[in-house]
PDB file of N, CA and C in Angstrom:
ATOM      1  N   UNK A   1      76.806  92.289  56.551  1.00  0.00           N
ATOM      2  CA  UNK A   1      77.598  91.235  57.085  1.00  0.00           C
ATOM      3  C   UNK A   1      76.807  89.981  56.017  1.00  0.00           C
ATOM      4  N   UNK A   2      77.569  89.145  55.625  1.00  0.00           N
ATOM      5  CA  UNK A   2      76.427  87.994  55.053  1.00  0.00           C
ATOM      6  C   UNK A   2      75.667  87.133  55.643  1.00  0.00           C
ATOM      7  N   UNK A   3      74.929  86.934  54.875  1.00  0.00           N
ATOM      8  CA  UNK A   3      74.051  85.699  55.400  1.00  0.00           C
ATOM      9  C   UNK A   3      74.935  84.468  56.103  1.00  0.00           C
ATOM     10  N   UNK A   4      74.835  84.151  57.456  1.00  0.00           N
ATOM     11  CA  UNK A   4      75.279  82.966  58.109  1.00  0.00           C
ATOM     12  C   UNK A   4      74.959  81.851  58.404  1.00  0.00           C
ATOM     13  N   UNK A   5      75.290  80.768  57.968  1.00  0.00           N
ATOM     14  CA  UNK A   5      74.759  79.469  58.159  1.00  0.00           C
ATOM     15  C   UNK A   5      75.212  78.788  59.195  1.00  0.00           C
ATOM     16  N   UNK A   6      74.380  78.864  60.420  1.00  0.00           N
ATOM     17  CA  UNK A   6      74.615  78.473  61.733  1.00  0.00           C
ATOM     18  C   UNK A   6      74.538  77.223  62.019  1.00  0.00           C
ATOM     19  N   UNK A   7      75.340  76.747  62.581  1.00  0.00           N
ATOM     20  CA  UNK A   7      75.546  75.095  63.113  1.00  0.00           C
ATOM     21  C   UNK A   7      75.678  74.801  64.499  1.00  0.00           C
ATOM     22  N   UNK A   8      74.702  73.508  64.795  1.00  0.00           N
ATOM     23  CA  UNK A   8      74.996  73.226  66.086  1.00  0.00           C
ATOM     24  C   UNK A   8      75.549  72.156  66.368  1.00  0.00           C
ATOM     25  N   UNK A   9      76.350  72.095  67.251  1.00  0.00           N
ATOM     26  CA  UNK A   9      77.063  70.705  67.620  1.00  0.00           C
ATOM     27  C   UNK A   9      76.079  69.364  67.539  1.00  0.00           C
ATOM     28  N   UNK A  10      76.469  67.927  67.018  1.00  0.00           N
ATOM     29  CA  UNK A  10      75.839  67.036  67.138  1.00  0.00           C
ATOM     30  C   UNK A  10      75.325  66.558  68.506  1.00  0.00           C
ATOM     31  N   UNK A  11      76.315  67.109  69.429  1.00  0.00           N
ATOM     32  CA  UNK A  11      76.140  67.011  70.737  1.00  0.00           C
ATOM     33  C   UNK A  11      75.353  67.687  71.533  1.00  0.00           C
ATOM     34  N   UNK A  12      74.996  68.414  70.923  1.00  0.00           N
ATOM     35  CA  UNK A  12      73.692  69.438  71.700  1.00  0.00           C
ATOM     36  C   UNK A  12      72.240  68.816  71.338  1.00  0.00           C
ATOM     37  N   UNK A  13      71.657  68.776  72.465  1.00  0.00           N
ATOM     38  CA  UNK A  13      69.740  68.715  72.634  1.00  0.00           C
ATOM     39  C   UNK A  13      69.297  69.624  71.816  1.00  0.00           C
ATOM     40  N   UNK A  14      68.073  69.089  71.806  1.00  0.00           N
ATOM     41  CA  UNK A  14      67.214  70.405  70.770  1.00  0.00           C
ATOM     42  C   UNK A  14      66.774  71.508  71.866  1.00  0.00           C
ATOM     43  N   UNK A  15      66.956  71.774  72.883  1.00  0.00           N
ATOM     44  CA  UNK A  15      66.717  72.913  73.867  1.00  0.00           C
ATOM     45  C   UNK A  15      67.906  73.776  73.612  1.00  0.00           C
ATOM     46  N   UNK A  16      67.616  74.936  74.405  1.00  0.00           N
ATOM     47  CA  UNK A  16      68.632  75.892  74.277  1.00  0.00           C
ATOM     48  C   UNK A  16      69.560  75.762  75.133  1.00  0.00           C
ATOM     49  N   UNK A  17      70.622  76.711  75.240  1.00  0.00           N
ATOM     50  CA  UNK A  17      71.968  76.791  75.893  1.00  0.00           C
ATOM     51  C   UNK A  17      73.015  75.886  74.904  1.00  0.00           C
ATOM     52  N   UNK A  18      73.267  75.929  73.545  1.00  0.00           N
ATOM     53  CA  UNK A  18      74.009  75.543  73.048  1.00  0.00           C
ATOM     54  C   UNK A  18      74.535  76.504  72.325  1.00  0.00           C
ATOM     55  N   UNK A  19      75.943  76.167  72.108  1.00  0.00           N
ATOM     56  CA  UNK A  19      76.974  77.140  71.182  1.00  0.00           C
ATOM     57  C   UNK A  19      76.613  77.181  69.678  1.00  0.00           C
ATOM     58  N   UNK A  20      76.546  77.936  68.960  1.00  0.00           N
ATOM     59  CA  UNK A  20      76.343  77.786  67.247  1.00  0.00           C
ATOM     60  C   UNK A  20      77.322  78.079  66.661  1.00  0.00           C
ATOM     61  N   UNK A  21      78.143  77.849  65.277  1.00  0.00           N
ATOM     62  CA  UNK A  21      79.018  78.401  64.605  1.00  0.00           C
ATOM     63  C   UNK A  21      78.624  78.845  63.567  1.00  0.00           C
ATOM     64  N   UNK A  22      79.226  79.838  62.869  1.00  0.00           N
ATOM     65  CA  UNK A  22      79.254  79.829  61.397  1.00  0.00           C
ATOM     66  C   UNK A  22      80.259  80.688  61.114  1.00  0.00           C
ATOM     67  N   UNK A  23      80.968  80.219  59.756  1.00  0.00           N
ATOM     68  CA  UNK A  23      81.949  80.805  59.198  1.00  0.00           C
ATOM     69  C   UNK A  23      81.997  81.386  57.935  1.00  0.00           C
ATOM     70  N   UNK A  24      82.792  82.410  58.085  1.00  0.00           N
ATOM     71  CA  UNK A  24      83.078  83.195  56.737  1.00  0.00           C
ATOM     72  C   UNK A  24      83.975  83.003  55.962  1.00  0.00           C
ATOM     73  N   UNK A  25      84.919  83.749  55.083  1.00  0.00           N
ATOM     74  CA  UNK A  25      85.983  83.573  54.612  1.00  0.00           C
ATOM     75  C   UNK A  25      87.144  83.994  55.484  1.00  0.00           C
ATOM     76  N   UNK A  26      87.378  84.671  56.458  1.00  0.00           N
ATOM     77  CA  UNK A  26      88.393  84.859  57.412  1.00  0.00           C
ATOM     78  C   UNK A  26      87.616  84.812  58.830  1.00  0.00           C
ATOM     79  N   UNK A  27      86.640  84.663  58.956  1.00  0.00           N
ATOM     80  CA  UNK A  27      86.589  84.613  60.576  1.00  0.00           C
ATOM     81  C   UNK A  27      85.339  83.397  61.121  1.00  0.00           C
ATOM     82  N   UNK A  28      85.560  83.148  62.283  1.00  0.00           N
ATOM     83  CA  UNK A  28      84.571  82.301  62.639  1.00  0.00           C
ATOM     84  C   UNK A  28      83.758  83.156  63.712  1.00  0.00           C
ATOM     85  N   UNK A  29      82.286  82.700  63.533  1.00  0.00           N
ATOM     86  CA  UNK A  29      81.313  83.533  64.539  1.00  0.00           C
ATOM     87  C   UNK A  29      80.580  82.566  65.178  1.00  0.00           C
ATOM     88  N   UNK A  30      80.633  82.898  66.553  1.00  0.00           N
ATOM     89  CA  UNK A  30      79.810  81.948  67.668  1.00  0.00           C
ATOM     90  C   UNK A  30      78.784  82.662  68.397  1.00  0.00           C
ATOM     91  N   UNK A  31      77.714  82.211  68.880  1.00  0.00           N
ATOM     92  CA  UNK A  31      76.660  82.644  69.372  1.00  0.00           C
ATOM     93  C   UNK A  31      76.145  81.760  70.477  1.00  0.00           C
ATOM     94  N   UNK A  32      75.423  82.000  71.537  1.00  0.00           N
ATOM     95  CA  UNK A  32      74.379  81.302  71.969  1.00  0.00           C
ATOM     96  C   UNK A  32      73.151  80.830  71.732  1.00  0.00           C
ATOM     97  N   UNK A  33      72.910  80.073  72.044  1.00  0.00           N
ATOM     98  CA  UNK A  33      71.229  79.541  71.167  1.00  0.00           C
ATOM     99  C   UNK A  33      70.063  80.502  71.752  1.00  0.00           C
ATOM    100  N   UNK A  34      70.108  80.535  72.886  1.00  0.00           N
ATOM    101  CA  UNK A  34      69.028  81.460  73.425  1.00  0.00           C
ATOM    102  C   UNK A  34      69.423  83.120  73.598  1.00  0.00           C
ATOM    103  N   UNK A  35      70.338  83.428  72.974  1.00  0.00           N
ATOM    104  CA  UNK A  35      70.786  84.940  72.902  1.00  0.00           C
ATOM    105  C   UNK A  35      71.535  85.048  71.471  1.00  0.00           C
ATOM    106  N   UNK A  36      70.643  84.774  70.240  1.00  0.00           N
ATOM    107  CA  UNK A  36      71.054  84.828  68.862  1.00  0.00           C
ATOM    108  C   UNK A  36      71.599  86.521  68.379  1.00  0.00           C
ATOM    109  N   UNK A  37      71.127  87.271  69.168  1.00  0.00           N
ATOM    110  CA  UNK A  37      71.209  88.686  68.859  1.00  0.00           C
ATOM    111  C   UNK A  37      73.036  89.122  69.164  1.00  0.00           C
ATOM    112  N   UNK A  38      73.681  88.228  69.787  1.00  0.00           N
ATOM    113  CA  UNK A  38      74.909  88.398  70.541  1.00  0.00           C
ATOM    114  C   UNK A  38      75.718  87.894  69.923  1.00  0.00           C
ATOM    115  N   UNK A  39      76.886  88.194  68.984  1.00  0.00           N
ATOM    116  CA  UNK A  39      77.632  87.151  68.573  1.00  0.00           C
ATOM    117  C   UNK A  39      79.205  87.551  68.638  1.00  0.00           C
ATOM    118  N   UNK A  40      79.691  86.603  68.747  1.00  0.00           N
ATOM    119  CA  UNK A  40      81.556  86.688  69.114  1.00  0.00           C
ATOM    120  C   UNK A  40      82.146  86.361  67.751  1.00  0.00           C
ATOM    121  N   UNK A  41      82.957  87.077  67.172  1.00  0.00           N
ATOM    122  CA  UNK A  41      83.679  86.965  66.126  1.00  0.00           C
ATOM    123  C   UNK A  41      85.170  86.457  66.805  1.00  0.00           C
ATOM    124  N   UNK A  42      85.955  85.574  65.800  1.00  0.00           N
ATOM    125  CA  UNK A  42      87.118  85.136  65.916  1.00  0.00           C
ATOM    126  C   UNK A  42      88.143  84.654  64.533  1.00  0.00           C
ATOM    127  N   UNK A  43      89.119  84.373  64.720  1.00  0.00           N
ATOM    128  CA  UNK A  43      89.929  83.947  63.614  1.00  0.00           C
ATOM    129  C   UNK A  43      90.220  82.113  64.124  1.00  0.00           C
ATOM    130  N   UNK A  44      90.156  81.825  62.971  1.00  0.00           N
ATOM    131  CA  UNK A  44      90.538  80.099  63.052  1.00  0.00           C
ATOM    132  C   UNK A  44      91.627  79.702  63.857  1.00  0.00           C
ATOM    133  N   UNK A  45      92.893  80.908  63.778  1.00  0.00           N
ATOM    134  CA  UNK A  45      94.094  80.365  64.553  1.00  0.00           C
ATOM    135  C   UNK A  45      93.725  80.628  66.108  1.00  0.00           C
ATOM    136  N   UNK A  46      93.212  81.758  66.245  1.00  0.00           N
ATOM    137  CA  UNK A  46      92.907  82.158  67.755  1.00  0.00           C
ATOM    138  C   UNK A  46      91.740  81.065  68.619  1.00  0.00           C
ATOM    139  N   UNK A  47      90.959  80.659  67.875  1.00  0.00           N
ATOM    140  CA  UNK A  47      89.878  79.660  68.111  1.00  0.00           C
ATOM    141  C   UNK A  47      90.663  78.311  68.415  1.00  0.00           C
ATOM    142  N   UNK A  48      91.427  77.593  67.617  1.00  0.00           N
ATOM    143  CA  UNK A  48      92.461  76.711  67.852  1.00  0.00           C
ATOM    144  C   UNK A  48      93.266  76.897  68.962  1.00  0.00           C
ATOM    145  N   UNK A  49      93.792  77.957  69.138  1.00  0.00           N
ATOM    146  CA  UNK A  49      94.741  78.012  70.361  1.00  0.00           C
ATOM    147  C   UNK A  49      93.807  77.998  71.698  1.00  0.00           C
ATOM    148  N   UNK A  50      92.514  78.663  71.606  1.00  0.00           N
ATOM    149  CA  UNK A  50      91.986  78.426  72.632  1.00  0.00           C
ATOM    150  C   UNK A  50      91.280  77.209  73.172  1.00  0.00           C
ATOM    151  N   UNK A  51      91.093  76.283  71.994  1.00  0.00           N
ATOM    152  CA  UNK A  51      90.398  75.034  72.193  1.00  0.00           C
ATOM    153  C   UNK A  51      91.723  74.203  72.755  1.00  0.00           C
ATOM    154  N   UNK A  52      92.730  74.407  72.342  1.00  0.00           N
ATOM    155  CA  UNK A  52      93.812  73.361  72.673  1.00  0.00           C
ATOM    156  C   UNK A  52      94.248  73.912  74.132  1.00  0.00           C
ATOM    157  N   UNK A  53      94.125  75.035  74.756  1.00  0.00           N
ATOM    158  CA  UNK A  53      94.573  75.520  75.847  1.00  0.00           C
ATOM    159  C   UNK A  53      93.531  74.934  76.825  1.00  0.00           C
ATOM    160  N   UNK A  54      92.283  74.854  76.752  1.00  0.00           N
ATOM    161  CA  UNK A  54      91.346  74.074  77.325  1.00  0.00           C
ATOM    162  C   UNK A  54      91.563  72.679  77.368  1.00  0.00           C
ATOM    163  N   UNK A  55      91.772  72.166  76.452  1.00  0.00           N
ATOM    164  CA  UNK A  55      92.038  70.686  76.290  1.00  0.00           C
ATOM    165  C   UNK A  55      93.285  70.097  77.348  1.00  0.00           C
ATOM    166  N   UNK A  56      94.321  70.824  77.053  1.00  0.00           N
ATOM    167  CA  UNK A  56      95.380  70.891  78.091  1.00  0.00           C
ATOM    168  C   UNK A  56      95.398  71.256  79.273  1.00  0.00           C
ATOM    169  N   UNK A  57      94.385  71.784  79.867  1.00  0.00           N
ATOM    170  CA  UNK A  57      94.225  72.527  80.939  1.00  0.00           C
ATOM    171  C   UNK A  57      95.324  73.852  81.758  1.00  0.00           C
ATOM    172  N   UNK A  58      95.627  74.362  80.329  1.00  0.00           N
ATOM    173  CA  UNK A  58      96.512  75.385  80.723  1.00  0.00           C
ATOM    174  C   UNK A  58      95.353  76.516  81.320  1.00  0.00           C
ATOM    175  N   UNK A  59      94.192  76.435  80.977  1.00  0.00           N
ATOM    176  CA  UNK A  59      93.211  77.649  81.828  1.00  0.00           C
ATOM    177  C   UNK A  59      92.652  77.318  83.073  1.00  0.00           C
ATOM    178  N   UNK A  60      92.769  75.867  83.742  1.00  0.00           N
ATOM    179  CA  UNK A  60      92.395  75.248  84.813  1.00  0.00           C
ATOM    180  C   UNK A  60      92.270  76.256  86.067  1.00  0.00           C
ATOM    181  N   UNK A  61      93.793  77.024  85.997  1.00  0.00           N
ATOM    182  CA  UNK A  61      94.047  77.982  87.218  1.00  0.00           C
ATOM    183  C   UNK A  61      92.905  79.252  87.167  1.00  0.00           C
ATOM    184  N   UNK A  62      92.416  79.303  86.286  1.00  0.00           N
ATOM    185  CA  UNK A  62      91.417  80.603  86.264  1.00  0.00           C
ATOM    186  C   UNK A  62      90.284  80.357  86.940  1.00  0.00           C
ATOM    187  N   UNK A  63      89.946  78.857  87.109  1.00  0.00           N
ATOM    188  CA  UNK A  63      88.356  78.687  87.839  1.00  0.00           C
ATOM    189  C   UNK A  63      88.456  78.873  89.313  1.00  0.00           C
TER     190      UNK A  63
END
């Protein structure tokens, strides 16, 4: 696996509990800052669909 350049949102504080993202040619990699050894991989299309569903409330019934 290539060396990943992890980025944290500018909305995150300096503490833990931040989601970090890194990108490669065909994937987006996500991890929780307090557990950097666990990485989730997804595609830009799938992540875009998930974010859109969250923003529009389509997942609210799952709470």
